[in-house]
Amino acid sequence: MIRNIILVLLIIYCSFYPSLSQTRLSLSLSQSASNDWKTSEVMTIEAAAGIDTRQHFSLDTLSLDIALKIAAGVLKESYSGGNSYLRPTDNDITGEAILKYPLGWAVEGKASKTSTREFSVVSYLV
């Protein structure tokens, strides 16, 4: 039974083989230190990661475009008094799916669904 399901899914994937795909991965790390009269000495370290992918599947005249973007980051602030704070920076998940089917000479049917989610965490004293 499970073998038949896997075979059907493999056939569906091969028939919808992505004709255009783009994936971008980004990683960043930054560090800074400042010293002023109001906040004393502050050292910050920020790390962020993101992935952005787009897939295009087509089966005859029916096409499906899928886009997914995920970004996550964290910032650590250390003060000269010994306090350190860890807080999120850019944390979001965005997905989009567009299904297209040409209906004639100048008409193209399109259905789309877009979803955006943000997740956040309160600052932690480290």
Protein backbone atom coordinates (compact mmCIF):
# COMPACT_ATOMS: atom_id res chain seq x y z
CA MET A 1 0.00 0.00 0.00
CA ILE A 2 2.67 2.51 1.02
CA ARG A 3 4.74 1.52 -2.00
CA ASN A 4 1.81 2.38 -4.31
CA ILE A 5 1.38 5.78 -2.65
CA ILE A 6 5.07 6.57 -3.08
CA LEU A 7 4.92 5.50 -6.72
CA VAL A 8 1.89 7.74 -7.38
CA LEU A 9 3.59 10.71 -5.70
CA LEU A 10 6.75 10.12 -7.74
CA ILE A 11 4.73 10.03 -10.98
CA ILE A 12 2.94 13.26 -10.02
CA TYR A 13 6.26 14.96 -9.18
CA CYS A 14 7.84 13.85 -12.45
CA SER A 15 4.89 15.10 -14.47
CA PHE A 16 5.04 18.46 -12.63
CA TYR A 17 8.84 18.64 -12.92
CA PRO A 18 9.87 22.21 -12.13
CA SER A 19 10.81 23.96 -15.34
CA LEU A 20 12.06 27.06 -13.53
CA SER A 21 13.37 27.21 -10.00
CA GLN A 22 15.31 29.81 -8.09
CA THR A 23 16.61 29.50 -4.57
CA ARG A 24 18.63 32.08 -2.69
CA LEU A 25 20.19 31.59 0.73
CA SER A 26 21.64 34.48 2.71
CA LEU A 27 23.62 34.55 5.94
CA SER A 28 24.94 37.65 7.66
CA LEU A 29 26.85 38.44 10.81
CA SER A 30 27.71 41.91 12.08
CA GLN A 31 29.39 43.25 15.18
CA SER A 32 29.65 46.78 16.53
CA ALA A 33 30.91 48.55 19.63
CA SER A 34 30.09 52.06 20.77
CA ASN A 35 30.97 54.15 23.76
CA ASP A 36 29.08 57.31 24.66
CA TRP A 37 28.23 59.31 27.76
CA LYS A 38 24.56 58.28 27.93
CA THR A 39 24.59 54.49 27.47
CA SER A 40 28.21 53.81 28.38
CA GLU A 41 29.82 51.00 26.40
CA VAL A 42 27.55 48.85 24.22
CA MET A 43 28.64 45.86 22.16
CA THR A 44 26.22 44.29 19.70
CA ILE A 45 26.37 41.14 17.63
CA GLU A 46 23.67 40.48 15.04
CA ALA A 47 23.13 37.28 13.07
CA ALA A 48 20.52 36.76 10.36
CA ALA A 49 19.62 34.00 7.93
CA GLY A 50 17.13 33.88 5.12
CA ILE A 51 15.94 31.68 2.29
CA ASP A 52 13.91 32.75 -0.71
CA THR A 53 12.73 30.12 -3.17
CA ARG A 54 10.50 30.20 -6.23
CA GLN A 55 9.30 27.13 -8.09
CA HIS A 56 7.39 26.92 -11.38
CA PHE A 57 5.56 23.69 -12.22
CA SER A 58 3.67 23.15 -15.45
CA LEU A 59 1.52 20.39 -16.87
CA ASP A 60 0.43 21.10 -20.44
CA THR A 61 -1.31 24.51 -20.13
CA LEU A 62 -1.87 24.38 -16.37
CA SER A 63 0.89 26.06 -14.35
CA LEU A 64 1.60 26.45 -10.65
CA ASP A 65 3.97 29.06 -9.19
CA ILE A 66 5.08 28.67 -5.58
CA ALA A 67 7.11 31.23 -3.63
CA LEU A 68 8.40 30.89 -0.08
CA LYS A 69 10.46 33.34 1.95
CA ILE A 70 11.76 32.72 5.46
CA ALA A 71 13.88 35.21 7.42
CA ALA A 72 15.16 34.92 10.98
CA GLY A 73 17.58 37.01 12.95
CA VAL A 74 18.80 37.69 16.45
CA LEU A 75 20.58 40.60 18.13
CA LYS A 76 22.65 40.39 21.32
CA GLU A 77 23.38 43.64 23.15
CA SER A 78 25.95 43.67 25.95
CA TYR A 79 26.27 46.69 28.23
CA SER A 80 29.28 47.65 30.35
CA GLY A 81 27.28 47.12 33.57
CA GLY A 82 27.18 43.39 32.85
CA ASN A 83 23.63 43.21 31.42
CA SER A 84 23.10 41.41 28.12
CA TYR A 85 19.89 41.24 26.10
CA LEU A 86 18.99 38.84 23.32
CA ARG A 87 16.13 39.85 21.00
CA PRO A 88 14.81 38.91 17.56
CA THR A 89 15.21 41.24 14.60
CA ASP A 90 13.59 40.20 11.31
CA ASN A 91 11.50 37.09 11.78
CA ASP A 92 8.86 36.32 9.16
CA ILE A 93 7.52 33.57 6.93
CA THR A 94 5.78 34.42 3.66
CA GLY A 95 4.30 31.95 1.18
CA GLU A 96 2.40 32.34 -2.07
CA ALA A 97 0.85 29.91 -4.54
CA ILE A 98 -0.59 30.89 -7.94
CA LEU A 99 -2.47 28.44 -10.16
CA LYS A 100 -2.95 29.52 -13.80
CA TYR A 101 -4.96 28.03 -16.61
CA PRO A 102 -5.46 29.80 -19.96
CA LEU A 103 -9.15 29.85 -20.88
CA GLY A 104 -8.90 31.16 -24.38
CA TRP A 105 -7.36 33.71 -26.72
CA ALA A 106 -7.08 36.63 -24.28
CA VAL A 107 -8.40 35.23 -21.01
CA GLU A 108 -6.24 33.62 -18.37
CA GLY A 109 -7.79 32.18 -15.24
CA LYS A 110 -5.77 32.70 -12.11
CA ALA A 111 -6.25 31.69 -8.49
CA SER A 112 -3.79 32.78 -5.83
CA LYS A 113 -3.29 32.43 -2.10
CA THR A 114 -0.82 34.48 -0.07
CA SER A 115 -0.01 33.93 3.57
CA THR A 116 2.27 35.92 5.85
CA ARG A 117 3.26 35.03 9.38
CA GLU A 118 5.51 36.83 11.81
CA PHE A 119 6.88 35.26 14.92
CA SER A 120 8.50 37.13 17.75
CA VAL A 121 10.06 36.42 21.08
CA VAL A 122 10.40 38.83 23.96
CA SER A 123 13.86 39.98 24.98
CA TYR A 124 15.79 37.67 27.24
CA LEU A 125 18.25 38.76 29.84
CA VAL A 126 21.34 36.64 29.25
